[in-house]
Protein backbone atom coordinates (compact mmCIF):
# COMPACT_ATOMS: atom_id res chain seq x y z
CA MET A 1 0.02 -0.04 -0.37
CA VAL A 2 1.09 3.28 -0.79
CA GLN A 3 1.82 5.65 2.46
CA VAL A 4 0.23 9.23 2.15
CA SER A 5 -0.56 11.59 4.50
CA VAL A 6 -3.45 13.66 4.46
CA GLU A 7 -4.01 17.44 5.72
CA THR A 8 -7.87 18.36 6.58
CA ALA A 9 -9.88 21.25 7.91
CA GLN A 10 -11.00 18.92 10.66
CA PHE A 11 -13.58 21.65 12.30
CA GLY A 12 -15.20 22.37 9.04
CA THR A 13 -15.79 18.20 8.60
CA ALA A 14 -17.11 17.76 12.32
CA ALA A 15 -19.20 20.65 11.88
CA ALA A 16 -20.63 19.04 9.03
CA LYS A 17 -21.85 16.11 10.81
CA LEU A 18 -22.98 18.19 14.08
CA GLU A 19 -25.23 19.75 11.76
CA GLY A 20 -26.54 16.49 10.36
CA ILE A 21 -27.18 15.43 13.66
CA GLU A 22 -28.93 18.70 14.07
CA GLU A 23 -31.42 18.11 11.56
CA GLY A 24 -32.00 14.11 12.31
CA MET A 25 -32.85 15.33 15.91
CA ALA A 26 -35.28 17.84 14.74
CA GLY A 27 -37.24 15.66 12.33
CA LEU A 28 -37.54 13.27 15.22
CA ASN A 29 -38.38 15.90 17.74
CA LEU A 30 -41.46 16.58 14.65
CA ARG A 31 -42.23 12.56 14.72
CA LEU A 32 -42.72 12.79 18.33
CA SER A 33 -44.60 15.59 18.81
CA THR A 34 -47.40 15.22 15.65
CA PRO A 35 -48.77 12.23 17.28
CA ALA A 36 -51.76 12.72 19.76
CA TRP A 37 -50.14 10.13 22.34
CA PHE A 38 -53.39 10.52 24.96
CA PRO A 39 -56.25 9.60 22.84
CA ALA A 40 -59.56 11.79 23.86
CA ASN A 41 -61.22 10.22 26.62
CA GLY A 42 -58.38 7.94 27.48
CA TRP A 43 -58.36 8.61 31.09
CA LEU A 44 -61.97 6.37 31.01
CA THR A 45 -60.59 3.33 29.84
CA ILE A 46 -58.98 1.19 32.32
CA SER A 47 -55.53 1.80 30.16
CA GLY A 48 -56.24 5.67 31.39
CA PRO A 49 -53.06 5.48 33.40
CA GLN A 50 -50.56 3.83 31.80
CA LEU A 51 -51.45 5.92 28.18
CA GLY A 52 -50.89 9.20 30.37
CA VAL A 53 -47.28 7.96 31.53
CA ILE A 54 -46.68 7.16 27.95
CA SER A 55 -47.56 10.68 26.78
CA LEU A 56 -45.76 11.92 29.37
CA GLU A 57 -42.52 10.38 28.57
CA ALA A 58 -43.35 11.04 24.51
CA GLN A 59 -43.79 14.94 25.45
CA LEU A 60 -40.33 14.83 27.65
CA LEU A 61 -38.26 13.02 24.75
CA ALA A 62 -39.70 15.32 22.15
CA GLY A 63 -38.44 18.12 24.39
CA GLY A 64 -35.27 16.35 24.93
CA MET A 65 -34.44 15.87 21.22
CA GLN A 66 -35.22 19.52 20.80
CA SER A 67 -32.68 20.33 23.32
CA ALA A 68 -30.17 18.46 22.09
CA ALA A 69 -30.77 19.21 18.44
CA ALA A 70 -30.42 22.76 19.64
CA PHE A 71 -27.07 21.75 21.17
CA ALA A 72 -25.54 20.10 18.26
CA GLY A 73 -26.41 23.29 16.23
CA ALA A 74 -24.87 25.46 18.59
CA ALA A 75 -22.01 23.31 18.53
CA ALA A 76 -21.72 23.14 15.05
CA GLU A 77 -21.93 27.54 14.85
CA HIS A 78 -18.95 27.43 17.36
CA LEU A 79 -16.82 24.80 15.20
CA LEU A 80 -17.31 26.94 12.20
CA GLN A 81 -16.16 30.02 13.94
CA ALA A 82 -13.24 28.63 15.80
CA GLN A 83 -12.12 27.15 11.84
CA GLY A 84 -12.90 30.66 10.95
CA TRP A 85 -10.42 32.13 13.36
CA TYR A 86 -8.00 29.31 12.89
CA GLU A 87 -8.02 29.86 9.23
CA ALA A 88 -7.95 33.40 9.51
CA ALA A 89 -5.01 33.51 12.04
CA ASP A 90 -2.80 30.70 9.93
CA ARG A 91 -3.61 33.33 6.49
CA ALA A 92 -2.29 36.35 8.77
CA ALA A 93 0.87 34.24 10.14
CA VAL A 94 1.94 33.09 6.60
CA GLU A 95 1.28 37.02 5.32
CA ALA A 96 3.90 38.10 7.86
CA PHE A 97 6.30 35.30 7.29
CA THR A 98 6.02 35.80 3.86
CA ALA A 99 6.53 39.63 4.09
CA VAL A 100 9.72 39.52 5.58
CA SER A 101 11.12 36.17 3.88
CA ASP A 102 10.17 38.11 0.34
CA ALA A 103 12.28 41.41 1.90
CA VAL A 104 14.90 38.99 2.78
CA VAL A 105 15.73 36.82 -0.17
CA ALA A 106 14.98 40.09 -2.34
CA SER A 107 17.83 41.86 -0.14
CA VAL A 108 20.10 39.03 -0.46
CA VAL A 109 19.34 38.09 -4.18
CA LEU A 110 19.87 42.09 -5.41
CA SER A 111 22.83 42.19 -2.94
CA VAL A 112 24.41 39.46 -4.74
CA VAL A 113 23.49 40.98 -8.19
CA SER A 114 24.59 44.42 -7.27
CA ILE A 115 28.02 42.98 -5.84
CA ALA A 116 28.58 41.04 -9.32
CA ALA A 117 27.32 43.84 -11.23
CA SER A 118 29.80 46.54 -9.49
CA GLY A 119 32.49 44.20 -9.60
CA ALA A 120 32.33 43.33 -13.21
CA LEU A 121 32.13 47.20 -14.39
CA ALA A 122 35.13 47.66 -12.08
CA ALA A 123 36.85 45.00 -14.27
CA VAL A 124 35.86 46.21 -17.49
CA PRO A 125 38.42 49.47 -18.10
CA LEU A 126 41.51 47.23 -16.89
CA LEU A 127 40.66 44.17 -19.19
CA LEU A 128 40.22 46.60 -21.59
CA SER A 129 43.33 48.60 -21.55
CA PRO A 130 46.75 47.89 -22.79
CA ALA A 131 47.72 45.95 -19.70
CA GLY A 132 44.65 43.87 -19.57
CA ILE A 133 44.59 42.70 -22.50
CA PRO A 134 47.41 40.34 -22.41
CA ILE A 135 45.36 39.16 -19.06
CA VAL A 136 42.49 38.38 -21.00
CA LEU A 137 44.01 36.30 -23.78
CA GLY A 138 46.32 34.45 -21.47
CA THR A 139 43.46 33.66 -19.14
CA VAL A 140 41.40 32.04 -22.27
CA ALA A 141 44.40 30.39 -23.45
CA THR A 142 45.19 28.90 -20.16
CA ALA A 143 41.41 27.95 -19.20
CA GLY A 144 41.50 26.27 -22.57
CA ALA A 145 44.98 24.60 -22.05
CA LEU A 146 43.49 23.05 -18.97
CA GLU A 147 40.48 21.73 -19.96
CA GLN A 148 42.45 19.97 -22.60
CA ALA A 149 44.34 18.28 -19.87
CA GLY A 150 41.28 17.75 -18.18
CA VAL A 151 42.20 19.67 -15.46
CA LEU A 152 39.23 22.02 -16.03
CA PRO A 153 35.59 20.51 -17.18
CA GLY A 154 34.44 21.59 -20.71
CA GLY A 155 31.05 21.81 -21.78
CA ASP A 156 30.59 18.10 -22.58
CA ASP A 157 31.94 17.08 -19.11
CA LEU A 158 29.58 19.96 -17.39
CA ALA A 159 26.60 18.50 -19.45
CA GLU A 160 27.20 15.29 -18.37
CA TRP A 161 28.12 16.45 -14.77
CA TRP A 162 24.18 18.12 -15.03
CA ASN A 163 22.57 14.61 -16.41
CA ASP A 164 24.14 12.95 -13.76
CA ASN A 165 23.33 14.86 -10.42
CA GLN A 166 20.55 16.93 -10.98
CA HIS A 167 18.15 14.40 -9.22
CA LEU A 168 20.18 15.68 -6.24
CA LEU A 169 18.08 18.73 -6.57
CA ALA A 170 14.67 17.02 -6.24
CA ASN A 171 14.08 17.11 -2.71
CA PRO A 172 12.25 19.55 0.03
CA LEU A 173 15.05 22.16 0.90
CA SER A 174 15.01 22.98 -2.84
CA VAL A 175 11.05 22.89 -3.05
CA LEU A 176 10.96 25.43 0.10
CA LEU A 177 14.46 27.57 -2.03
CA VAL A 178 11.84 27.70 -4.72
CA ARG A 179 8.92 28.85 -2.65
CA SER A 180 10.87 31.60 -1.23
CA GLY A 181 12.27 32.27 -4.64
CA VAL A 182 8.68 32.83 -6.42
CA SER A 183 7.06 34.54 -3.58
CA ALA A 184 9.90 37.19 -3.38
CA GLY A 185 9.74 37.47 -7.40
CA ASP A 186 8.03 40.92 -7.58
CA GLU A 187 10.60 42.20 -5.22
CA ILE A 188 13.40 40.99 -6.71
CA VAL A 189 11.63 42.57 -10.61
CA ASN A 190 10.98 45.91 -8.75
CA GLY A 191 14.55 45.94 -7.13
CA LEU A 192 16.39 45.06 -10.33
CA THR A 193 14.20 47.54 -12.45
CA GLY A 194 14.64 50.63 -9.87
CA VAL A 195 10.58 51.17 -10.42
CA PRO A 196 7.91 49.53 -8.65
CA LEU A 197 5.95 48.20 -11.41
CA PHE A 198 4.71 44.40 -9.78
CA ASN A 199 2.84 43.88 -6.83
CA SER A 200 2.69 39.95 -6.80
CA PRO A 201 4.52 36.97 -8.76
CA ASN A 202 1.75 36.64 -10.77
CA GLU A 203 1.81 39.66 -12.40
CA VAL A 204 5.60 39.43 -13.43
CA ALA A 205 4.36 36.14 -14.73
CA GLY A 206 1.51 38.32 -17.06
CA ALA A 207 4.06 40.73 -18.02
CA LEU A 208 6.62 37.98 -19.45
CA ALA A 209 3.65 36.23 -21.38
CA ALA A 210 2.34 39.42 -23.22
CA ALA A 211 5.77 40.35 -24.13
CA PHE A 212 6.18 36.62 -25.85
CA ALA A 213 3.30 36.77 -27.13
CA LEU A 214 3.94 39.11 -29.83
CA GLY A 215 3.99 37.57 -33.02
CA THR A 216 2.61 34.45 -32.06
CA GLY A 217 -0.58 33.00 -33.64
CA PRO A 218 -4.07 32.05 -32.13
CA MET A 219 -5.13 29.30 -30.50
CA LEU A 220 -7.02 26.76 -32.54
CA VAL A 221 -8.89 23.46 -30.71
CA SER A 222 -9.73 20.69 -32.29
CA GLY A 223 -11.78 17.59 -30.72
CA SER A 224 -12.37 13.79 -31.94
CA LYS A 225 -14.51 11.99 -30.07
CA ARG A 226 -13.85 8.64 -28.78
CA GLU A 227 -16.32 5.44 -30.38
CA GLU A 228 -16.74 4.61 -26.46
CA ALA A 229 -17.01 6.67 -23.83
CA SER A 230 -15.29 6.51 -20.53
CA SER A 231 -16.66 4.66 -17.25
CA ALA A 232 -17.89 6.64 -14.61
CA PRO A 233 -14.80 7.10 -12.15
CA SER A 234 -15.39 5.46 -8.83
CA SER A 235 -12.41 6.78 -6.95
CA ILE A 236 -9.72 9.72 -7.24
CA ALA A 237 -7.03 7.79 -8.74
CA ASP A 238 -10.10 6.90 -11.73
CA LEU A 239 -9.96 11.06 -12.17
CA VAL A 240 -6.71 11.17 -12.25
CA GLU A 241 -6.19 8.40 -14.46
CA ALA A 242 -8.19 10.07 -16.97
CA ILE A 243 -5.86 13.55 -17.08
CA PRO A 244 -4.76 12.15 -20.31
CA PRO A 245 -0.51 11.33 -20.95
CA THR A 246 1.75 14.35 -21.14
CA ASP A 247 2.71 13.92 -25.04
CA PRO A 248 3.83 16.46 -27.14
CA GLU A 249 1.77 15.16 -30.10
CA GLY A 250 -1.02 13.97 -28.01
CA THR A 251 -3.99 15.33 -25.98
CA ASN A 252 -4.11 18.07 -24.09
CA ALA A 253 -7.72 17.98 -22.58
CA THR A 254 -10.45 15.30 -22.05
CA ILE A 255 -14.08 16.05 -21.55
CA THR A 256 -16.72 13.78 -20.69
CA GLU A 257 -20.16 13.95 -20.11
CA TYR A 258 -21.92 12.02 -17.50
CA VAL A 259 -25.82 11.56 -17.12
CA ARG A 260 -26.71 10.40 -13.53
CA PRO A 261 -29.83 8.28 -12.16
CA ASP A 262 -32.35 11.30 -11.67
CA GLY A 263 -31.78 12.30 -15.18
CA SER A 264 -29.37 15.55 -14.61
CA THR A 265 -26.13 15.75 -16.24
CA VAL A 266 -22.17 16.22 -14.68
CA TYR A 267 -19.06 17.08 -17.03
CA VAL A 268 -15.67 15.85 -15.92
CA VAL A 269 -13.12 17.97 -17.40
CA SER A 270 -9.48 16.77 -17.28
CA VAL A 271 -6.38 18.69 -18.66
CA ALA A 272 -2.77 17.66 -19.28
CA GLY A 273 0.69 18.91 -18.03
CA THR A 274 2.83 20.79 -19.89
CA SER A 275 4.50 18.95 -23.31
CA SER A 276 6.36 21.80 -24.98
CA PRO A 277 9.28 24.36 -23.06
CA GLY A 278 8.61 26.64 -26.02
CA LEU A 279 7.52 29.98 -25.88
CA GLY A 280 4.91 30.31 -28.16
CA ASP A 281 4.96 27.80 -30.76
CA GLU A 282 2.67 24.95 -32.46
CA ASN A 283 2.12 23.66 -29.42
CA GLY A 284 -0.20 25.24 -26.95
CA MET A 285 0.93 23.47 -23.70
CA ASP A 286 3.99 25.14 -23.43
CA ASN A 287 5.33 27.84 -21.48
CA LEU A 288 4.05 30.97 -22.50
CA SER A 289 0.55 29.29 -21.54
CA ASN A 290 2.25 28.09 -18.18
CA LEU A 291 3.27 32.16 -17.97
CA ALA A 292 -0.09 33.40 -19.18
CA ALA A 293 -2.42 30.87 -17.19
CA TYR A 294 0.24 32.04 -14.03
CA GLY A 295 -0.50 35.43 -15.06
CA GLY A 296 -4.22 35.31 -14.84
CA SER A 297 -5.08 35.75 -18.63
CA ASP A 298 -6.94 33.61 -20.83
CA ALA A 299 -5.27 34.16 -23.77
CA GLN A 300 -3.86 30.57 -23.74
CA SER A 301 -4.26 27.29 -22.54
CA VAL A 302 -7.24 28.66 -19.96
CA GLY A 303 -9.13 29.96 -22.91
CA ALA A 304 -8.56 27.06 -24.85
CA VAL A 305 -10.11 24.78 -22.28
CA SER A 306 -13.25 27.25 -21.94
CA ASP A 307 -13.51 26.65 -25.91
CA ALA A 308 -13.00 22.93 -25.73
CA MET A 309 -15.80 23.14 -23.04
CA GLY A 310 -18.13 25.14 -25.50
CA GLN A 311 -17.41 22.61 -28.04
CA ALA A 312 -18.18 19.60 -26.20
CA GLY A 313 -22.21 21.46 -25.44
CA ILE A 314 -20.99 22.73 -22.00
CA THR A 315 -22.84 26.24 -21.05
CA ALA A 316 -22.60 28.58 -18.78
CA GLY A 317 -24.30 27.35 -14.63
CA ASP A 318 -23.86 23.72 -16.11
CA GLU A 319 -22.24 21.17 -13.41
CA VAL A 320 -18.38 20.72 -13.53
CA VAL A 321 -16.24 18.72 -12.22
CA PHE A 322 -12.09 20.13 -12.91
CA VAL A 323 -9.37 17.77 -12.82
CA GLY A 324 -5.83 18.54 -13.96
CA TYR A 325 -1.95 17.88 -13.75
CA SER A 326 0.69 20.67 -13.76
CA GLN A 327 0.02 23.04 -16.24
CA GLY A 328 -3.42 21.82 -16.18
CA ALA A 329 -3.75 22.23 -12.22
CA LEU A 330 -3.19 25.72 -12.78
CA VAL A 331 -5.90 25.89 -15.85
CA VAL A 332 -8.74 24.42 -14.27
CA SER A 333 -7.72 26.29 -10.86
CA GLU A 334 -7.91 29.47 -13.10
CA LEU A 335 -11.26 28.34 -14.85
CA ALA A 336 -12.72 26.93 -11.06
CA GLN A 337 -12.54 30.81 -9.84
CA THR A 338 -14.55 32.50 -12.54
CA GLY A 339 -18.17 31.54 -11.63
CA THR A 340 -19.06 30.83 -15.17
CA TRP A 341 -19.85 27.09 -13.89
CA ASP A 342 -21.03 25.21 -10.96
CA VAL A 343 -17.85 23.80 -10.03
CA ALA A 344 -18.91 20.24 -7.75
CA SER A 345 -15.25 19.36 -6.85
CA VAL A 346 -11.55 19.88 -8.27
CA VAL A 347 -8.75 17.30 -8.35
CA LEU A 348 -5.21 18.89 -8.54
CA ALA A 349 -2.25 17.03 -8.90
CA GLY A 350 1.48 18.85 -8.99
CA SER A 351 0.03 21.65 -8.97
CA PRO A 352 1.72 25.44 -9.45
CA VAL A 353 -0.85 26.85 -7.78
CA HIS A 354 -2.71 25.90 -3.86
CA GLY A 355 -6.04 24.36 -4.03
CA THR A 356 -7.12 27.43 -1.29
CA SER A 357 -6.80 30.22 -4.01
CA ILE A 358 -10.38 28.37 -5.87
CA GLY A 359 -12.16 29.54 -2.73
CA GLY A 360 -15.57 29.11 -1.61
CA ASP A 361 -17.32 26.08 -0.59
CA ILE A 362 -16.19 23.45 -3.61
CA PRO A 363 -13.88 20.42 -2.68
CA VAL A 364 -10.94 20.33 -4.11
CA THR A 365 -8.50 17.44 -3.54
CA GLN A 366 -4.97 18.47 -3.98
CA LEU A 367 -1.90 15.57 -4.38
CA GLU A 368 1.54 17.12 -3.81
CA HIS A 369 4.79 14.80 -3.52
CA ASP A 370 7.92 16.12 -1.59
CA GLY A 371 10.50 17.44 -4.11
CA ASP A 372 8.42 18.41 -6.52
CA LEU A 373 9.42 21.59 -7.66
CA ILE A 374 6.93 22.65 -9.73
CA THR A 375 4.60 22.64 -6.38
CA GLY A 376 7.07 25.26 -4.94
CA LEU A 377 5.65 27.77 -7.64
CA GLN A 378 2.78 28.03 -4.92
CA GLY A 379 5.15 30.33 -3.11
CA ILE A 380 5.03 30.09 0.55
CA THR A 381 0.97 29.35 1.22
CA PRO A 382 -1.03 28.06 4.19
CA GLY A 383 -1.69 24.72 5.10
CA ALA A 384 -5.42 22.97 4.16
CA GLN A 385 -8.54 25.29 4.54
CA GLY A 386 -12.40 24.82 4.16
CA ASP A 387 -13.03 22.32 2.11
CA VAL A 388 -9.55 21.53 0.78
CA SER A 389 -7.27 18.31 1.92
CA ILE A 390 -3.81 18.27 0.96
CA VAL A 391 -2.72 14.98 0.07
CA ARG A 392 0.96 14.29 0.22
CA ARG A 393 3.61 11.59 -0.34
CA ASP A 394 7.03 10.96 -0.57
CA PRO A 395 7.61 9.09 -3.83
CA PHE A 396 11.39 8.47 -3.38
CA PRO A 397 11.78 8.08 0.52
CA GLY A 398 15.60 7.34 0.13
CA GLY A 399 16.24 10.08 -2.74
CA VAL A 400 15.56 10.58 -6.42
CA PRO A 401 17.53 7.53 -8.16
CA ALA A 402 20.53 8.77 -10.43
CA GLY A 403 19.33 9.16 -13.55
CA GLU A 404 15.68 9.74 -13.16
CA GLY A 405 15.63 13.57 -13.44
CA ILE A 406 15.38 17.00 -11.44
CA LEU A 407 11.47 16.28 -12.10
CA ALA A 408 11.13 12.87 -11.33
CA PRO A 409 8.70 13.46 -7.94
CA HIS A 410 7.09 15.46 -10.45
CA ALA A 411 5.95 12.51 -12.63
CA LEU A 412 2.34 11.74 -13.65
CA THR A 413 2.44 8.16 -12.96
CA GLU A 414 3.82 8.79 -9.41
CA TYR A 415 0.90 11.12 -8.94
CA GLN A 416 -1.61 8.46 -9.96
CA GLN A 417 -0.11 5.95 -7.74
CA THR A 418 -0.32 8.44 -5.03
CA ALA A 419 -3.93 9.20 -6.28
CA ALA A 420 -4.32 4.97 -5.44
CA GLY A 421 -3.15 5.41 -1.64
CA TYR A 422 -5.46 8.11 -0.73
CA ASP A 423 -8.57 6.15 -2.02
CA GLU A 424 -7.28 3.83 0.92
CA VAL A 425 -7.44 6.04 3.25
CA ASP A 426 -9.98 5.18 6.13
CA GLU A 427 -9.35 8.29 8.47
CA PRO A 428 -12.93 10.26 8.92
CA GLN A 429 -12.20 13.21 8.29
CA ALA A 430 -10.21 12.04 5.10
CA ALA A 431 -12.77 9.62 3.77
CA ALA A 432 -15.43 12.28 4.20
CA GLN A 433 -13.55 14.52 1.78
CA ARG A 434 -13.13 12.44 -0.68
CA ASP A 435 -16.41 11.30 -0.86
CA ALA A 436 -17.39 14.69 -1.11
CA VAL A 437 -14.93 15.51 -4.55
CA LEU A 438 -15.81 11.85 -5.66
CA ALA A 439 -20.11 12.79 -5.18
CA PRO A 440 -20.88 14.48 -8.76
CA VAL A 441 -20.03 11.36 -10.67
CA GLN A 442 -20.98 8.65 -8.33
CA GLY A 443 -23.80 6.11 -10.13
CA ALA A 444 -23.27 8.19 -13.41
CA THR A 445 -23.49 6.66 -16.68
CA ALA A 446 -20.90 8.17 -19.79
CA VAL A 447 -22.63 9.66 -22.32
CA THR A 448 -19.68 10.62 -24.57
CA THR A 449 -15.61 11.49 -24.19
CA THR A 450 -14.05 14.19 -26.54
CA ASP A 451 -9.97 14.42 -26.40
CA PHE A 452 -8.88 17.92 -27.63
CA ARG A 453 -5.68 19.33 -28.79
CA PHE A 454 -4.81 23.16 -28.62
CA GLU A 455 -2.21 24.24 -31.31
CA ARG A 456 -1.34 28.01 -32.30
CA GLU A 457 -1.63 28.75 -35.61
CA PRO A 458 1.41 29.87 -37.53
CA VAL A 459 0.94 33.61 -38.43
CA TYR A 460 3.60 33.86 -40.60
CA ALA A 461 2.80 30.64 -42.96
CA SER A 462 -0.54 32.45 -44.36
CA GLY A 463 1.78 35.54 -45.22
CA GLY A 464 1.41 38.16 -42.66
CA GLY A 465 2.44 38.73 -39.09
CA ILE A 466 5.76 37.73 -37.43
CA ARG A 467 7.38 33.94 -37.03
CA PRO A 468 6.85 33.03 -32.92
CA MET A 469 10.12 33.26 -30.82
CA THR A 470 12.16 30.35 -30.17
CA PRO A 471 13.28 30.06 -26.24
CA GLU A 472 16.88 31.01 -27.59
CA GLU A 473 15.46 34.11 -29.24
CA ALA A 474 13.51 35.17 -26.52
CA PHE A 475 16.53 34.90 -24.12
CA GLU A 476 18.30 37.07 -26.80
CA ARG A 477 15.41 39.80 -26.61
CA VAL A 478 15.81 40.02 -23.27
CA TYR A 479 19.83 40.30 -23.38
CA GLU A 480 19.13 42.88 -25.86
CA LEU A 481 16.76 44.92 -23.51
CA GLY A 482 19.19 44.61 -20.93
CA ARG A 483 21.73 46.73 -23.01
CA PHE A 484 19.01 49.30 -24.16
CA GLY A 485 20.17 53.01 -22.58
CA GLU A 486 23.83 51.58 -21.63
CA ASP A 487 25.40 54.57 -24.29
């Protein structure tokens, strides 16, 4: 059995149970109070005294039920109030810690950059002087000779070292460093530019997305229906298994329509992860879409999934279950917050954003792994709040094996195992939250399943526009922008 730990908002679950107890006792009180336990002229019969005792006991029991129901209701209200206080205190503590952490991280980064820049600028006049040129040439020649002699590593050696050792960075400490760096991202950028342009890392991502999107073509959404519809999911593992595998040539999103026994309809929208390292190429699930979604823009993959939902027949107000992995988790989180659809529940695997951002009373299951650097993009976040359940697992307790890669803990196959482990957890609060996530599709029958693919139309191919930048050209653009104004 896969070992997982589950974090839930305990008070909220207990309050819901108390509210159920209150309703049950109130119903029992009504049933006890309604009948005429002592019939008319009952005292005229030989059983009159016994009927009187029964009637009195029924009245006392009904009164007790009413008091117990009121007590359960009051206890539920107090628990919810306590939960609200706890969550507010937790958020305040995280915000305070984040503010201090951001200031410290930004100060350290900017200090290092400033020292490096000052040293480089101070060295330029010397190295370009008649005395400095021989130093430069001698250093280059010496480095080349040492590389040839095997003393200094060359480019191939560095690449080989990275391939052999990158797995060492996939650990909780690295995730914490990523969280701190992302959280302080806006302060770092503002410090580098000298102008307070951004108020959050999301705004920085949005600005980068807008810059890299220049010259890219529109997103084309194409769907193909399967001959056989998917079977109805009966577990969290089933929902995660339905997420399309990450494939540059494969499906980016899958939408299945289900009909429940009462005739109502619910849709399950499953979105895959990033399948291209590009910044605006033909593949719609690339890093440009990552930046846009992280920045809150629907111009890329968020808009593509919304268009796919429309093509699948989903209209405003329809009931939807969102499931996403990696970039897909980021996308469904953005869509779930719009209020356009009746979002029944959400499942996030390896998400760059925290489930609490969805808000409301939507049941959310969030699967996370120790050492998954992508989850570090959430920044510093509070724990489980409201109807959010956080399921954690260490997929490599002995450390990520060599050759597995830095993103080994982020693999979809590992998250599928985590989902299966979560299904086996019988702890009451975890089971109740899991049931709430699965309730919308329980007993439903699949009607149709459609697979969608997102591709950007290359504007330049039709004789107009500008060819999208490759990642190398994008970094060159950033370099040139950095040099602007030096002369």
